[in-house]
Amino acid sequence: MTLPSPSSYKADQLEIHFSEEQLQTRIREMAAEINQTYQNSEKLIIIAVLKGSFMFLADLVRHITIPCQVEFVRLASYGDGQVSSGTVKSVDLSLPPLTGEDVLVVEDIIDTGLTLHFFLEYLTSLHHTRSLKLAVLLDKKEARQKEVPVDFAGFPVGNQFLVGYGLDFAGYYRNLPFIGVVKQ
């Protein structure tokens, strides 16, 4: 499948898979689940995996009522392709001390599980967190190569290439307010 170049993009080339309204409704529900889980916590440290999770993170934290600190890491396994390279590249893993903290990792999509498996192992080996949980907007189970415990999931998705709402193709399409599939 070839995506249209950004200069030739037309809205009719994408089929909306999840509308902006569907995304916002489910994100509010996920935030309520997170608030319930952490209701007895003094604070929550949220670690977003960039770049794809930025829109999901921004909308999610608006509904989290527990005091939270937001941190960012950059990991990559796709490059400019539509399929994971199978190799996780740590671009930036700078984090504050996490010992004894409740930590929530936020990611846009989990497919092969390689990136999140790498990152959760990294966190577990270096930090002694009080708790470590994972929130993902999209869960592509049929592409899984490494099992990763998902604590909060937005939507299950099939094995198609999705763009929009933070998800990109070669760095483009992140700005769409919906998640779409390129029409064949």
N, C-alpha and C. Protein backbone atom coordinates (compact mmCIF):
# COMPACT_ATOMS: atom_id res chain seq x y z
N MET A 1 0.85 -1.17 0.00
CA MET A 1 0.00 0.00 0.00
C MET A 1 0.89 1.23 0.00
N THR A 2 0.55 2.18 -0.83
CA THR A 2 1.29 3.44 -0.88
C THR A 2 0.37 4.55 -0.41
N LEU A 3 0.83 5.30 0.56
CA LEU A 3 0.05 6.43 1.03
C LEU A 3 0.29 7.61 0.12
N PRO A 4 -0.73 8.45 -0.02
CA PRO A 4 -0.53 9.65 -0.84
C PRO A 4 0.49 10.56 -0.16
N SER A 5 1.26 11.26 -0.98
CA SER A 5 2.21 12.20 -0.39
C SER A 5 1.43 13.32 0.27
N PRO A 6 2.03 13.96 1.28
CA PRO A 6 1.31 15.03 1.97
C PRO A 6 0.85 16.14 1.03
N SER A 7 1.61 16.40 -0.02
CA SER A 7 1.21 17.47 -0.94
C SER A 7 0.00 17.09 -1.78
N SER A 8 -0.26 15.77 -1.93
CA SER A 8 -1.41 15.35 -2.74
C SER A 8 -2.54 14.78 -1.89
N TYR A 9 -2.41 14.87 -0.58
CA TYR A 9 -3.41 14.32 0.32
C TYR A 9 -4.77 14.97 0.11
N LYS A 10 -5.78 14.14 0.04
CA LYS A 10 -7.16 14.61 -0.02
C LYS A 10 -7.95 13.79 0.99
N ALA A 11 -8.88 14.43 1.64
CA ALA A 11 -9.64 13.76 2.70
C ALA A 11 -10.34 12.50 2.20
N ASP A 12 -10.72 12.47 0.93
CA ASP A 12 -11.44 11.29 0.43
C ASP A 12 -10.52 10.09 0.19
N GLN A 13 -9.22 10.23 0.41
CA GLN A 13 -8.30 9.11 0.27
C GLN A 13 -8.20 8.29 1.55
N LEU A 14 -8.77 8.81 2.64
CA LEU A 14 -8.74 8.11 3.91
C LEU A 14 -10.15 7.74 4.32
N GLU A 15 -10.26 6.55 4.87
CA GLU A 15 -11.53 6.12 5.45
C GLU A 15 -11.39 6.27 6.97
N ILE A 16 -12.33 6.96 7.57
CA ILE A 16 -12.26 7.16 9.01
C ILE A 16 -12.53 5.84 9.72
N HIS A 17 -11.58 5.45 10.56
CA HIS A 17 -11.70 4.21 11.33
C HIS A 17 -12.26 4.51 12.72
N PHE A 18 -11.74 5.58 13.34
CA PHE A 18 -12.26 6.08 14.62
C PHE A 18 -12.42 7.58 14.49
N SER A 19 -13.62 8.06 14.66
CA SER A 19 -13.89 9.49 14.55
C SER A 19 -13.33 10.23 15.76
N GLU A 20 -13.25 11.53 15.64
CA GLU A 20 -12.80 12.36 16.75
C GLU A 20 -13.70 12.15 17.96
N GLU A 21 -15.00 12.06 17.74
CA GLU A 21 -15.95 11.84 18.85
C GLU A 21 -15.73 10.49 19.51
N GLN A 22 -15.53 9.43 18.72
CA GLN A 22 -15.26 8.11 19.29
C GLN A 22 -13.98 8.11 20.13
N LEU A 23 -12.95 8.77 19.61
CA LEU A 23 -11.68 8.84 20.34
C LEU A 23 -11.87 9.55 21.67
N GLN A 24 -12.53 10.70 21.65
CA GLN A 24 -12.67 11.49 22.88
C GLN A 24 -13.54 10.76 23.92
N THR A 25 -14.56 10.08 23.47
CA THR A 25 -15.42 9.32 24.39
C THR A 25 -14.62 8.22 25.08
N ARG A 26 -13.87 7.45 24.28
CA ARG A 26 -13.10 6.35 24.87
C ARG A 26 -11.97 6.86 25.77
N ILE A 27 -11.37 7.96 25.41
CA ILE A 27 -10.28 8.52 26.24
C ILE A 27 -10.83 8.97 27.58
N ARG A 28 -12.00 9.58 27.62
CA ARG A 28 -12.62 9.96 28.90
C ARG A 28 -12.89 8.72 29.74
N GLU A 29 -13.35 7.64 29.11
CA GLU A 29 -13.60 6.39 29.83
C GLU A 29 -12.30 5.80 30.38
N MET A 30 -11.23 5.84 29.58
CA MET A 30 -9.94 5.33 30.04
C MET A 30 -9.43 6.15 31.22
N ALA A 31 -9.58 7.46 31.15
CA ALA A 31 -9.14 8.33 32.25
C ALA A 31 -9.91 8.00 33.52
N ALA A 32 -11.21 7.71 33.40
CA ALA A 32 -12.00 7.33 34.57
C ALA A 32 -11.47 6.02 35.17
N GLU A 33 -11.08 5.06 34.32
CA GLU A 33 -10.50 3.80 34.79
C GLU A 33 -9.17 4.06 35.51
N ILE A 34 -8.36 4.93 34.94
CA ILE A 34 -7.06 5.28 35.54
C ILE A 34 -7.27 5.99 36.87
N ASN A 35 -8.21 6.93 36.91
CA ASN A 35 -8.52 7.64 38.16
C ASN A 35 -8.96 6.66 39.25
N GLN A 36 -9.77 5.69 38.89
CA GLN A 36 -10.23 4.68 39.84
C GLN A 36 -9.06 3.84 40.34
N THR A 37 -8.20 3.41 39.44
CA THR A 37 -7.05 2.57 39.80
C THR A 37 -6.10 3.29 40.75
N TYR A 38 -5.88 4.57 40.51
CA TYR A 38 -4.90 5.32 41.29
C TYR A 38 -5.55 6.25 42.33
N GLN A 39 -6.78 6.00 42.69
CA GLN A 39 -7.50 6.90 43.61
C GLN A 39 -6.81 7.07 44.96
N ASN A 40 -6.03 6.11 45.40
CA ASN A 40 -5.35 6.21 46.68
C ASN A 40 -3.89 6.65 46.55
N SER A 41 -3.49 7.02 45.35
CA SER A 41 -2.11 7.45 45.13
C SER A 41 -1.97 8.95 45.36
N GLU A 42 -0.82 9.33 45.89
CA GLU A 42 -0.55 10.75 46.10
C GLU A 42 -0.24 11.45 44.79
N LYS A 43 0.43 10.72 43.89
CA LYS A 43 0.75 11.28 42.59
C LYS A 43 1.01 10.14 41.61
N LEU A 44 1.02 10.50 40.35
CA LEU A 44 1.23 9.54 39.28
C LEU A 44 2.27 10.13 38.33
N ILE A 45 3.25 9.32 37.97
CA ILE A 45 4.21 9.76 36.95
C ILE A 45 3.81 9.08 35.65
N ILE A 46 3.52 9.91 34.67
CA ILE A 46 3.12 9.42 33.35
C ILE A 46 4.29 9.59 32.40
N ILE A 47 4.66 8.49 31.75
CA ILE A 47 5.75 8.53 30.78
C ILE A 47 5.16 8.26 29.40
N ALA A 48 5.21 9.25 28.54
CA ALA A 48 4.69 9.11 27.18
C ALA A 48 5.81 8.72 26.24
N VAL A 49 5.50 7.77 25.36
CA VAL A 49 6.45 7.34 24.35
C VAL A 49 6.21 8.19 23.11
N LEU A 50 7.18 9.01 22.77
CA LEU A 50 7.06 9.90 21.61
C LEU A 50 7.53 9.19 20.36
N LYS A 51 7.05 9.60 19.24
CA LYS A 51 6.30 10.79 18.98
C LYS A 51 4.80 10.54 18.92
N GLY A 52 4.41 9.33 18.60
CA GLY A 52 3.02 9.04 18.29
C GLY A 52 2.00 9.29 19.37
N SER A 53 2.41 9.23 20.63
CA SER A 53 1.42 9.32 21.71
C SER A 53 1.04 10.74 22.12
N PHE A 54 1.62 11.76 21.50
CA PHE A 54 1.44 13.11 22.01
C PHE A 54 -0.01 13.58 22.02
N MET A 55 -0.79 13.27 21.00
CA MET A 55 -2.19 13.72 20.98
C MET A 55 -3.02 12.95 22.01
N PHE A 56 -2.83 11.65 22.06
CA PHE A 56 -3.52 10.81 23.03
C PHE A 56 -3.18 11.26 24.44
N LEU A 57 -1.91 11.47 24.72
CA LEU A 57 -1.47 11.91 26.04
C LEU A 57 -2.14 13.23 26.43
N ALA A 58 -2.10 14.20 25.52
CA ALA A 58 -2.66 15.52 25.83
C ALA A 58 -4.13 15.43 26.21
N ASP A 59 -4.88 14.63 25.46
CA ASP A 59 -6.31 14.50 25.77
C ASP A 59 -6.54 13.67 27.03
N LEU A 60 -5.74 12.63 27.22
CA LEU A 60 -5.90 11.77 28.39
C LEU A 60 -5.63 12.52 29.69
N VAL A 61 -4.52 13.26 29.78
CA VAL A 61 -4.17 13.91 31.04
C VAL A 61 -5.15 15.01 31.42
N ARG A 62 -5.88 15.54 30.47
CA ARG A 62 -6.90 16.55 30.79
C ARG A 62 -8.01 15.98 31.67
N HIS A 63 -8.15 14.66 31.67
CA HIS A 63 -9.22 14.01 32.42
C HIS A 63 -8.70 13.23 33.64
N ILE A 64 -7.40 13.25 33.86
CA ILE A 64 -6.84 12.56 35.02
C ILE A 64 -6.87 13.51 36.21
N THR A 65 -7.46 13.05 37.30
CA THR A 65 -7.67 13.91 38.48
C THR A 65 -6.59 13.76 39.54
N ILE A 66 -5.76 12.74 39.43
CA ILE A 66 -4.67 12.53 40.38
C ILE A 66 -3.54 13.50 40.00
N PRO A 67 -2.88 14.13 40.96
CA PRO A 67 -1.74 14.97 40.59
C PRO A 67 -0.74 14.12 39.79
N CYS A 68 -0.30 14.65 38.66
CA CYS A 68 0.61 13.85 37.84
C CYS A 68 1.76 14.69 37.30
N GLN A 69 2.85 13.99 37.10
CA GLN A 69 4.06 14.54 36.49
C GLN A 69 4.18 13.84 35.15
N VAL A 70 4.42 14.60 34.09
CA VAL A 70 4.51 14.01 32.76
C VAL A 70 5.95 14.05 32.27
N GLU A 71 6.42 12.90 31.83
CA GLU A 71 7.77 12.76 31.28
C GLU A 71 7.65 12.17 29.88
N PHE A 72 8.72 12.32 29.11
CA PHE A 72 8.71 11.82 27.73
C PHE A 72 9.97 11.03 27.45
N VAL A 73 9.82 9.96 26.65
CA VAL A 73 10.95 9.22 26.11
C VAL A 73 10.72 9.09 24.61
N ARG A 74 11.81 8.87 23.89
CA ARG A 74 11.69 8.64 22.45
C ARG A 74 12.29 7.29 22.11
N LEU A 75 11.47 6.45 21.52
CA LEU A 75 11.90 5.15 21.04
C LEU A 75 11.43 5.03 19.59
N ALA A 76 12.10 4.23 18.81
CA ALA A 76 11.71 4.07 17.40
C ALA A 76 11.94 2.65 16.95
N SER A 77 10.99 2.14 16.15
CA SER A 77 11.19 0.84 15.52
C SER A 77 10.65 0.83 14.09
N TYR A 78 10.02 1.92 13.67
CA TYR A 78 9.43 1.95 12.33
C TYR A 78 10.24 2.70 11.30
N GLY A 79 10.90 3.79 11.68
CA GLY A 79 11.55 4.63 10.68
C GLY A 79 10.49 5.21 9.76
N ASP A 80 10.70 5.11 8.46
CA ASP A 80 9.74 5.64 7.49
C ASP A 80 8.86 4.55 6.89
N GLY A 81 8.95 3.33 7.40
CA GLY A 81 8.20 2.23 6.83
C GLY A 81 6.83 2.04 7.45
N GLN A 82 6.12 1.03 6.92
CA GLN A 82 4.79 0.69 7.41
C GLN A 82 4.83 -0.54 8.29
N VAL A 83 6.01 -1.15 8.43
CA VAL A 83 6.17 -2.36 9.22
C VAL A 83 7.34 -2.13 10.17
N SER A 84 7.22 -2.61 11.39
CA SER A 84 8.29 -2.48 12.37
C SER A 84 9.57 -3.11 11.84
N SER A 85 10.68 -2.45 12.08
CA SER A 85 11.98 -2.98 11.66
C SER A 85 12.38 -4.18 12.50
N GLY A 86 11.75 -4.33 13.67
CA GLY A 86 12.10 -5.40 14.59
C GLY A 86 13.21 -5.01 15.55
N THR A 87 13.80 -3.85 15.33
CA THR A 87 14.86 -3.35 16.19
C THR A 87 14.39 -2.07 16.86
N VAL A 88 14.49 -2.02 18.17
CA VAL A 88 14.07 -0.83 18.92
C VAL A 88 15.29 0.06 19.11
N LYS A 89 15.14 1.30 18.73
CA LYS A 89 16.22 2.29 18.88
C LYS A 89 15.81 3.26 19.98
N SER A 90 16.64 3.37 21.01
CA SER A 90 16.34 4.33 22.07
C SER A 90 16.96 5.66 21.67
N VAL A 91 16.10 6.63 21.42
CA VAL A 91 16.54 7.95 21.00
C VAL A 91 16.81 8.83 22.22
N ASP A 92 15.90 8.78 23.22
CA ASP A 92 16.07 9.56 24.44
C ASP A 92 15.32 8.86 25.57
N LEU A 93 16.06 8.39 26.56
CA LEU A 93 15.48 7.70 27.71
C LEU A 93 15.73 8.46 29.01
N SER A 94 15.88 9.77 28.94
CA SER A 94 16.13 10.58 30.14
C SER A 94 14.89 10.61 31.03
N LEU A 95 15.04 10.17 32.27
CA LEU A 95 13.92 10.14 33.21
C LEU A 95 14.41 10.53 34.60
N PRO A 96 13.51 11.07 35.41
CA PRO A 96 13.86 11.35 36.81
C PRO A 96 13.88 10.04 37.59
N PRO A 97 14.33 10.06 38.84
CA PRO A 97 14.26 8.84 39.67
C PRO A 97 12.80 8.38 39.82
N LEU A 98 12.58 7.10 39.67
CA LEU A 98 11.22 6.55 39.73
C LEU A 98 11.01 5.58 40.89
N THR A 99 12.00 5.41 41.73
CA THR A 99 11.90 4.47 42.85
C THR A 99 10.74 4.85 43.76
N GLY A 100 9.87 3.86 44.02
CA GLY A 100 8.73 4.05 44.91
C GLY A 100 7.57 4.81 44.30
N GLU A 101 7.62 5.08 43.01
CA GLU A 101 6.57 5.87 42.36
C GLU A 101 5.57 4.98 41.62
N ASP A 102 4.34 5.49 41.50
CA ASP A 102 3.35 4.87 40.62
C ASP A 102 3.61 5.44 39.22
N VAL A 103 3.85 4.54 38.27
CA VAL A 103 4.23 4.96 36.92
C VAL A 103 3.24 4.38 35.91
N LEU A 104 2.80 5.24 35.01
CA LEU A 104 1.92 4.84 33.92
C LEU A 104 2.60 5.19 32.61
N VAL A 105 2.86 4.19 31.78
CA VAL A 105 3.44 4.40 30.45
C VAL A 105 2.28 4.57 29.47
N VAL A 106 2.35 5.61 28.64
CA VAL A 106 1.29 5.91 27.68
C VAL A 106 1.87 5.78 26.27
N GLU A 107 1.19 4.98 25.44
CA GLU A 107 1.63 4.74 24.07
C GLU A 107 0.43 4.81 23.14
N ASP A 108 0.66 5.23 21.91
CA ASP A 108 -0.43 5.34 20.95
C ASP A 108 -0.93 3.98 20.48
N ILE A 109 -0.01 3.09 20.13
CA ILE A 109 -0.41 1.78 19.58
C ILE A 109 0.60 0.72 20.00
N ILE A 110 0.10 -0.45 20.27
CA ILE A 110 0.97 -1.61 20.50
C ILE A 110 0.65 -2.62 19.41
N ASP A 111 1.67 -2.99 18.67
CA ASP A 111 1.47 -4.01 17.63
C ASP A 111 2.39 -5.19 17.90
N THR A 112 3.64 -5.15 17.47
CA THR A 112 4.52 -6.29 17.70
C THR A 112 4.82 -6.48 19.19
N GLY A 113 4.76 -5.39 19.95
CA GLY A 113 5.09 -5.45 21.37
C GLY A 113 6.57 -5.28 21.64
N LEU A 114 7.38 -5.21 20.60
CA LEU A 114 8.83 -5.14 20.77
C LEU A 114 9.26 -3.86 21.48
N THR A 115 8.71 -2.73 21.06
CA THR A 115 9.10 -1.44 21.66
C THR A 115 8.72 -1.39 23.13
N LEU A 116 7.49 -1.73 23.44
CA LEU A 116 7.04 -1.66 24.83
C LEU A 116 7.69 -2.73 25.69
N HIS A 117 7.94 -3.90 25.15
CA HIS A 117 8.66 -4.94 25.90
C HIS A 117 10.05 -4.42 26.28
N PHE A 118 10.74 -3.83 25.30
CA PHE A 118 12.06 -3.24 25.55
C PHE A 118 11.97 -2.18 26.64
N PHE A 119 11.02 -1.26 26.53
CA PHE A 119 10.94 -0.15 27.46
C PHE A 119 10.52 -0.60 28.86
N LEU A 120 9.57 -1.49 28.96
CA LEU A 120 9.15 -1.97 30.29
C LEU A 120 10.27 -2.74 30.97
N GLU A 121 11.03 -3.53 30.21
CA GLU A 121 12.19 -4.22 30.79
C GLU A 121 13.23 -3.22 31.25
N TYR A 122 13.46 -2.18 30.46
CA TYR A 122 14.40 -1.12 30.82
C TYR A 122 13.98 -0.47 32.14
N LEU A 123 12.70 -0.10 32.27
CA LEU A 123 12.21 0.52 33.49
C LEU A 123 12.34 -0.41 34.69
N THR A 124 11.97 -1.66 34.51
CA THR A 124 12.01 -2.64 35.59
C THR A 124 13.44 -2.90 36.05
N SER A 125 14.39 -2.93 35.12
CA SER A 125 15.77 -3.23 35.48
C SER A 125 16.47 -2.06 36.18
N LEU A 126 16.05 -0.83 35.91
CA LEU A 126 16.74 0.33 36.48
C LEU A 126 16.00 1.03 37.61
N HIS A 127 14.70 0.84 37.69
CA HIS A 127 13.90 1.58 38.67
C HIS A 127 13.06 0.60 39.48
N HIS A 128 12.90 0.89 40.75
CA HIS A 128 12.06 0.06 41.61
C HIS A 128 10.78 0.84 41.89
N THR A 129 9.90 0.84 40.88
CA THR A 129 8.66 1.60 40.99
C THR A 129 7.70 0.91 41.96
N ARG A 130 6.81 1.68 42.51
CA ARG A 130 5.75 1.11 43.36
C ARG A 130 4.80 0.29 42.50
N SER A 131 4.45 0.87 41.34
CA SER A 131 3.62 0.16 40.36
C SER A 131 4.03 0.64 38.97
N LEU A 132 3.82 -0.22 37.98
CA LEU A 132 4.14 0.10 36.60
C LEU A 132 3.01 -0.45 35.73
N LYS A 133 2.27 0.44 35.10
CA LYS A 133 1.13 0.04 34.27
C LYS A 133 1.26 0.68 32.89
N LEU A 134 0.48 0.14 31.95
CA LEU A 134 0.55 0.57 30.56
C LEU A 134 -0.84 0.94 30.04
N ALA A 135 -0.92 2.11 29.41
CA ALA A 135 -2.14 2.56 28.74
C ALA A 135 -1.83 2.74 27.26
N VAL A 136 -2.59 2.07 26.41
CA VAL A 136 -2.42 2.22 24.96
C VAL A 136 -3.76 2.57 24.33
N LEU A 137 -3.72 3.43 23.35
CA LEU A 137 -4.96 3.80 22.66
C LEU A 137 -5.43 2.68 21.74
N LEU A 138 -4.50 2.09 21.00
CA LEU A 138 -4.85 1.05 20.03
C LEU A 138 -4.06 -0.22 20.32
N ASP A 139 -4.75 -1.34 20.33
CA ASP A 139 -4.13 -2.63 20.63
C ASP A 139 -4.30 -3.55 19.43
N LYS A 140 -3.20 -3.78 18.71
CA LYS A 140 -3.17 -4.61 17.51
C LYS A 140 -2.64 -6.00 17.88
N LYS A 141 -3.48 -6.80 18.54
CA LYS A 141 -3.04 -8.09 19.10
C LYS A 141 -2.54 -9.08 18.06
N GLU A 142 -3.13 -9.08 16.87
CA GLU A 142 -2.73 -10.09 15.89
C GLU A 142 -1.33 -9.88 15.34
N ALA A 143 -0.71 -8.73 15.60
CA ALA A 143 0.66 -8.47 15.15
C ALA A 143 1.69 -8.76 16.24
N ARG A 144 1.23 -9.18 17.42
CA ARG A 144 2.10 -9.33 18.59
C ARG A 144 3.17 -10.39 18.40
N GLN A 145 4.41 -10.00 18.67
CA GLN A 145 5.55 -10.93 18.70
C GLN A 145 6.05 -11.12 20.12
N LYS A 146 5.89 -10.10 20.96
CA LYS A 146 6.27 -10.15 22.38
C LYS A 146 5.05 -9.77 23.18
N GLU A 147 4.71 -10.59 24.16
CA GLU A 147 3.56 -10.26 25.01
C GLU A 147 3.94 -9.16 25.99
N VAL A 148 3.04 -8.23 26.14
CA VAL A 148 3.21 -7.09 27.04
C VAL A 148 1.90 -6.91 27.78
N PRO A 149 1.94 -6.73 29.11
CA PRO A 149 0.69 -6.55 29.86
C PRO A 149 0.10 -5.16 29.61
N VAL A 150 -1.08 -5.12 29.00
CA VAL A 150 -1.78 -3.86 28.74
C VAL A 150 -2.84 -3.71 29.83
N ASP A 151 -2.72 -2.65 30.61
CA ASP A 151 -3.64 -2.42 31.72
C ASP A 151 -4.86 -1.59 31.32
N PHE A 152 -4.66 -0.65 30.40
CA PHE A 152 -5.75 0.21 29.94
C PHE A 152 -5.64 0.28 28.42
N ALA A 153 -6.67 -0.21 27.72
CA ALA A 153 -6.64 -0.21 26.26
C ALA A 153 -7.84 0.54 25.72
N GLY A 154 -7.60 1.33 24.69
CA GLY A 154 -8.67 2.10 24.07
C GLY A 154 -9.51 1.26 23.14
N PHE A 155 -8.92 0.82 22.05
CA PHE A 155 -9.64 0.08 21.02
C PHE A 155 -8.79 -1.07 20.51
N PRO A 156 -9.38 -2.25 20.30
CA PRO A 156 -8.67 -3.29 19.56
C PRO A 156 -8.71 -2.92 18.07
N VAL A 157 -7.63 -3.21 17.36
CA VAL A 157 -7.61 -2.94 15.92
C VAL A 157 -7.04 -4.14 15.19
N GLY A 158 -7.40 -4.27 13.93
CA GLY A 158 -6.86 -5.33 13.08
C GLY A 158 -5.48 -4.96 12.59
N ASN A 159 -4.96 -5.77 11.71
CA ASN A 159 -3.60 -5.60 11.24
C ASN A 159 -3.54 -4.70 10.00
N GLN A 160 -4.10 -3.49 10.12
CA GLN A 160 -4.01 -2.54 9.02
C GLN A 160 -3.13 -1.36 9.44
N PHE A 161 -2.67 -0.61 8.45
CA PHE A 161 -1.81 0.53 8.73
C PHE A 161 -2.70 1.75 8.93
N LEU A 162 -2.60 2.35 10.13
CA LEU A 162 -3.46 3.46 10.51
C LEU A 162 -2.65 4.75 10.58
N VAL A 163 -3.31 5.86 10.26
CA VAL A 163 -2.68 7.18 10.36
C VAL A 163 -3.65 8.13 11.03
N GLY A 164 -3.10 9.22 11.54
CA GLY A 164 -3.92 10.27 12.16
C GLY A 164 -3.86 10.19 13.67
N TYR A 165 -4.24 11.28 14.32
CA TYR A 165 -4.28 11.40 15.77
C TYR A 165 -2.96 10.94 16.40
N GLY A 166 -1.87 11.42 15.84
CA GLY A 166 -0.53 11.09 16.34
C GLY A 166 0.18 10.01 15.54
N LEU A 167 -0.58 9.13 14.92
CA LEU A 167 0.01 8.06 14.11
C LEU A 167 0.45 8.63 12.77
N ASP A 168 1.63 8.23 12.32
CA ASP A 168 2.15 8.86 11.11
C ASP A 168 2.56 7.85 10.06
N PHE A 169 2.83 8.39 8.89
CA PHE A 169 3.54 7.68 7.84
C PHE A 169 4.64 8.63 7.39
N ALA A 170 5.89 8.24 7.63
CA ALA A 170 7.05 9.06 7.29
C ALA A 170 6.96 10.46 7.90
N GLY A 171 6.38 10.54 9.10
CA GLY A 171 6.30 11.82 9.81
C GLY A 171 5.08 12.65 9.50
N TYR A 172 4.25 12.23 8.57
CA TYR A 172 3.07 13.00 8.18
C TYR A 172 1.79 12.35 8.69
N TYR A 173 0.70 13.11 8.63
CA TYR A 173 -0.65 12.68 9.01
C TYR A 173 -0.92 12.69 10.51
N ARG A 174 0.06 13.01 11.34
CA ARG A 174 -0.14 13.03 12.79
C ARG A 174 -1.22 14.02 13.20
N ASN A 175 -1.38 15.08 12.45
CA ASN A 175 -2.27 16.18 12.83
C ASN A 175 -3.75 15.92 12.58
N LEU A 176 -4.11 14.82 11.96
CA LEU A 176 -5.52 14.55 11.71
C LEU A 176 -6.25 14.31 13.03
N PRO A 177 -7.47 14.84 13.19
CA PRO A 177 -8.19 14.69 14.46
C PRO A 177 -8.88 13.32 14.60
N PHE A 178 -8.74 12.46 13.61
CA PHE A 178 -9.34 11.13 13.62
C PHE A 178 -8.26 10.11 13.26
N ILE A 179 -8.59 8.84 13.41
CA ILE A 179 -7.68 7.78 12.95
C ILE A 179 -8.29 7.18 11.69
N GLY A 180 -7.48 7.12 10.65
CA GLY A 180 -7.97 6.64 9.37
C GLY A 180 -7.12 5.54 8.77
N VAL A 181 -7.74 4.89 7.78
CA VAL A 181 -7.08 3.88 6.96
C VAL A 181 -7.07 4.42 5.56
N VAL A 182 -5.96 4.28 4.87
CA VAL A 182 -5.88 4.74 3.48
C VAL A 182 -6.73 3.81 2.63
N LYS A 183 -7.60 4.41 1.81
CA LYS A 183 -8.44 3.60 0.92
C LYS A 183 -7.57 2.93 -0.13
N GLN A 184 -7.89 1.70 -0.42
CA GLN A 184 -7.15 0.95 -1.44
C GLN A 184 -7.52 1.42 -2.82
